[in-house]
């Protein structure tokens, strides 16, 4: 079955170019020209992934992404001419799975889409992962320690889930960047920042919790 994509882009020429290339690459594409049409397209039950421009004529693509993330984990790749670090970080923090700065090659777009779709496939592992007092519900995207819910941002949750799936395994910063961000332009400092925030939330609980251990020269692991 051909994966069905929603392309939310207000530039008709650019949208036509993307749609033509993506369809030749084996995808079915629904094009939406503004935020209103994009919202309807994203909630189509058959959509596998959204390609979302930020500069829409009737609203912000980031607001559209924020609204989607309140109810869904549908994969989203942001495409935008805004290439500044603050814009990229904002998109990823809200919950984008990848961020591609215009201009880019259509071949790269296809490669990014396929990579995100691979990462979003349901893993062949238990729905609930437990490490010590930590319980991660991978279907609900929720985590708790000794019954105390953790308030996590999307990438913080993704980081915790990845570490919890393989407790004791050391992940390098490069591996975490590839698996969670899928973006070669990201720097290891991105991982350091997210580990720092996640550690703070685990250590701030009134009950003992698993800890993220730094293995100097290698990376990070989750210990019960």
Protein backbone atom coordinates (compact mmCIF):
# COMPACT_ATOMS: atom_id res chain seq x y z
CA UNK A 1 0.00 0.00 0.00
CA UNK A 2 1.29 3.47 -0.91
CA UNK A 3 1.85 5.63 2.21
CA UNK A 4 -0.56 8.59 2.23
CA UNK A 5 1.02 11.98 2.96
CA UNK A 6 -0.55 15.34 3.76
CA UNK A 7 1.40 18.20 2.17
CA UNK A 8 0.49 21.56 3.77
CA UNK A 9 2.13 24.25 1.64
CA UNK A 10 0.85 27.62 0.38
CA UNK A 11 3.23 27.96 -2.59
CA UNK A 12 1.44 26.25 -5.53
CA UNK A 13 4.56 25.86 -7.66
CA UNK A 14 6.59 24.37 -4.83
CA UNK A 15 3.69 22.14 -3.78
CA UNK A 16 3.26 20.85 -7.35
CA UNK A 17 6.96 20.05 -7.59
CA UNK A 18 6.91 18.20 -4.25
CA UNK A 19 3.69 16.37 -5.01
CA UNK A 20 4.90 15.20 -8.41
CA UNK A 21 8.20 13.92 -7.05
CA UNK A 22 6.62 12.24 -4.02
CA UNK A 23 4.01 10.46 -6.12
CA UNK A 24 6.74 9.19 -8.45
CA UNK A 25 8.58 7.96 -5.33
CA UNK A 26 5.61 5.80 -4.35
CA UNK A 27 3.49 8.02 -2.10
CA UNK A 28 -0.09 9.21 -2.31
CA UNK A 29 -0.27 12.96 -1.60
CA UNK A 30 -3.11 15.19 -0.40
CA UNK A 31 -2.24 18.86 -0.83
CA UNK A 32 -3.64 21.56 1.48
CA UNK A 33 -2.96 25.21 0.66
CA UNK A 34 -3.62 26.77 4.08
CA UNK A 35 -4.00 25.99 7.79
CA UNK A 36 -7.73 25.39 7.59
CA UNK A 37 -7.43 22.81 4.84
CA UNK A 38 -4.31 21.43 6.50
CA UNK A 39 -6.14 20.80 9.76
CA UNK A 40 -8.76 18.76 7.91
CA UNK A 41 -6.08 16.84 6.00
CA UNK A 42 -4.09 15.98 9.14
CA UNK A 43 -7.13 14.42 10.75
CA UNK A 44 -7.82 12.16 7.78
CA UNK A 45 -7.57 8.69 9.24
CA UNK A 46 -5.52 7.43 6.31
CA UNK A 47 -2.64 9.91 6.62
CA UNK A 48 0.72 8.33 7.49
CA UNK A 49 2.82 11.51 7.71
CA UNK A 50 2.46 15.30 7.39
CA UNK A 51 4.85 17.60 5.51
CA UNK A 52 4.14 21.01 7.05
CA UNK A 53 5.23 24.47 5.95
CA UNK A 54 5.36 27.07 8.75
CA UNK A 55 4.41 30.17 6.74
CA UNK A 56 0.72 29.68 5.96
CA UNK A 57 -1.58 32.51 4.82
CA UNK A 58 -4.23 31.98 7.51
CA UNK A 59 -2.19 30.90 10.52
CA UNK A 60 1.05 29.61 11.92
CA UNK A 61 2.28 26.17 11.05
CA UNK A 62 3.67 25.90 14.59
CA UNK A 63 0.21 26.49 16.04
CA UNK A 64 -1.16 23.83 13.72
CA UNK A 65 1.54 21.44 14.93
CA UNK A 66 0.85 22.30 18.58
CA UNK A 67 -2.86 21.58 18.12
CA UNK A 68 -2.09 18.26 16.45
CA UNK A 69 0.31 17.21 19.21
CA UNK A 70 -2.38 17.72 21.84
CA UNK A 71 -4.29 14.77 20.41
CA UNK A 72 -2.01 12.78 18.09
CA UNK A 73 1.49 11.44 17.50
CA UNK A 74 1.10 11.51 13.72
CA UNK A 75 4.61 11.97 12.25
CA UNK A 76 5.32 15.53 11.05
CA UNK A 77 8.22 16.90 9.01
CA UNK A 78 8.42 20.69 9.06
CA UNK A 79 9.69 22.35 5.87
CA UNK A 80 10.46 26.05 6.10
CA UNK A 81 12.62 28.86 4.85
CA UNK A 82 13.24 29.76 8.49
CA UNK A 83 16.60 28.18 9.09
CA UNK A 84 17.60 29.85 12.33
CA UNK A 85 18.42 27.71 15.34
CA UNK A 86 15.55 29.19 17.36
CA UNK A 87 13.01 28.26 14.67
CA UNK A 88 14.36 24.72 14.34
CA UNK A 89 14.43 24.18 18.10
CA UNK A 90 10.88 25.56 18.46
CA UNK A 91 9.54 23.18 15.83
CA UNK A 92 11.28 20.15 17.33
CA UNK A 93 10.30 21.06 20.89
CA UNK A 94 6.63 21.34 19.93
CA UNK A 95 6.85 17.86 18.47
CA UNK A 96 8.08 17.83 14.87
CA UNK A 97 9.84 14.61 13.99
CA UNK A 98 12.23 16.37 11.61
CA UNK A 99 12.90 19.88 10.28
CA UNK A 100 14.04 20.56 6.73
CA UNK A 101 15.20 24.02 5.67
CA UNK A 102 14.35 25.34 2.20
CA UNK A 103 15.76 25.07 -0.36
CA UNK A 104 16.33 21.33 -0.25
CA UNK A 105 16.47 18.55 -2.80
CA UNK A 106 13.39 16.41 -3.40
CA UNK A 107 15.60 13.35 -3.01
CA UNK A 108 16.49 14.46 0.53
CA UNK A 109 12.82 15.06 1.35
CA UNK A 110 11.96 11.51 0.28
CA UNK A 111 14.84 10.12 2.35
CA UNK A 112 13.71 12.07 5.42
CA UNK A 113 10.10 10.91 4.99
CA UNK A 114 11.14 7.27 4.73
CA UNK A 115 13.40 7.58 7.78
CA UNK A 116 10.62 9.13 9.90
CA UNK A 117 8.13 6.49 8.74
CA UNK A 118 10.56 3.74 9.73
CA UNK A 119 11.03 5.25 13.19
CA UNK A 120 7.29 5.64 13.68
CA UNK A 121 6.46 1.99 12.96
CA UNK A 122 5.02 0.18 16.00
CA UNK A 123 7.94 -1.63 17.65
CA UNK A 124 7.82 -5.34 18.29
CA UNK A 125 8.10 -4.84 22.06
CA UNK A 126 5.68 -4.76 25.01
CA UNK A 127 3.36 -1.77 25.14
CA UNK A 128 4.36 -1.12 28.76
CA UNK A 129 8.06 -0.94 29.63
CA UNK A 130 9.14 -1.11 33.27
CA UNK A 131 12.55 -0.26 34.71
CA UNK A 132 12.59 -0.37 38.47
CA UNK A 133 9.89 2.01 39.69
CA UNK A 134 9.60 3.57 36.21
CA UNK A 135 6.61 2.57 34.08
CA UNK A 136 6.46 3.75 30.46
CA UNK A 137 3.20 3.29 28.58
CA UNK A 138 4.39 3.41 24.97
CA UNK A 139 0.87 3.39 23.55
CA UNK A 140 -0.32 6.37 25.62
CA UNK A 141 3.11 8.11 25.50
CA UNK A 142 3.04 8.53 29.27
CA UNK A 143 5.57 7.74 31.98
CA UNK A 144 5.30 7.50 35.75
CA UNK A 145 7.54 6.61 38.68
CA UNK A 146 5.88 4.71 41.52
CA UNK A 147 2.54 5.93 40.18
CA UNK A 148 3.64 9.59 40.01
CA UNK A 149 3.12 10.93 36.44
CA UNK A 150 6.04 12.68 34.76
CA UNK A 151 5.29 15.92 32.91
CA UNK A 152 7.48 15.48 29.84
CA UNK A 153 7.87 17.37 26.59
CA UNK A 154 7.62 15.23 23.44
CA UNK A 155 11.37 14.82 22.97
CA UNK A 156 11.95 14.26 26.69
CA UNK A 157 9.43 11.43 26.60
CA UNK A 158 10.98 9.98 23.43
CA UNK A 159 14.42 10.05 25.07
CA UNK A 160 13.16 8.35 28.23
CA UNK A 161 11.28 5.68 26.26
CA UNK A 162 14.32 4.88 24.12
CA UNK A 163 16.58 4.49 27.16
CA UNK A 164 13.94 2.49 29.05
CA UNK A 165 13.57 0.00 26.20
CA UNK A 166 17.23 -1.02 26.70
CA UNK A 167 18.16 -0.39 30.34
CA UNK A 168 21.88 -0.64 30.94
CA UNK A 169 22.70 -0.12 27.27
CA UNK A 170 24.92 2.86 26.49
CA UNK A 171 23.72 5.15 23.70
CA UNK A 172 26.11 7.66 22.19
CA UNK A 173 24.99 11.23 21.57
CA UNK A 174 25.17 10.53 17.83
CA UNK A 175 22.88 7.50 18.16
CA UNK A 176 20.35 9.50 20.17
CA UNK A 177 20.43 12.33 17.63
CA UNK A 178 19.83 9.94 14.76
CA UNK A 179 17.06 7.95 16.41
CA UNK A 180 15.18 10.82 18.06
CA UNK A 181 15.82 13.78 15.78
CA UNK A 182 16.95 12.20 12.53
CA UNK A 183 18.70 15.48 11.71
CA UNK A 184 22.40 15.65 10.91
CA UNK A 185 22.59 19.41 11.61
CA UNK A 186 21.75 18.92 15.29
CA UNK A 187 24.63 19.17 17.74
CA UNK A 188 25.46 16.87 20.71
CA UNK A 189 24.54 19.83 22.95
CA UNK A 190 20.91 19.10 22.04
CA UNK A 191 21.21 15.69 23.68
CA UNK A 192 23.04 17.13 26.70
CA UNK A 193 20.25 19.68 27.25
CA UNK A 194 17.49 17.07 27.05
CA UNK A 195 19.35 14.65 29.34
CA UNK A 196 19.84 17.47 31.84
CA UNK A 197 16.14 18.37 31.87
CA UNK A 198 15.05 14.74 32.08
CA UNK A 199 17.44 14.08 34.96
CA UNK A 200 16.01 17.06 36.81
CA UNK A 201 12.48 15.70 36.51
CA UNK A 202 13.50 12.23 37.67
CA UNK A 203 15.61 13.46 40.60
CA UNK A 204 12.93 15.94 41.67
CA UNK A 205 10.45 13.20 42.54
CA UNK A 206 9.67 12.40 46.19
CA UNK A 207 10.50 8.74 45.56
CA UNK A 208 13.61 6.96 44.23
CA UNK A 209 13.65 6.79 40.44
CA UNK A 210 15.88 5.27 37.76
CA UNK A 211 18.79 7.50 36.87
CA UNK A 212 20.48 8.46 33.61
CA UNK A 213 24.17 7.69 33.95
CA UNK A 214 26.85 9.40 31.87
CA UNK A 215 29.51 6.98 30.64
CA UNK A 216 32.42 9.25 29.88
CA UNK A 217 33.60 9.03 26.29
CA UNK A 218 30.70 6.79 25.27
CA UNK A 219 27.26 8.22 26.07
CA UNK A 220 24.29 7.61 28.35
CA UNK A 221 22.40 4.68 29.88
CA UNK A 222 19.39 4.24 32.12
CA UNK A 223 20.01 2.44 35.41
CA UNK A 224 17.18 1.17 37.65
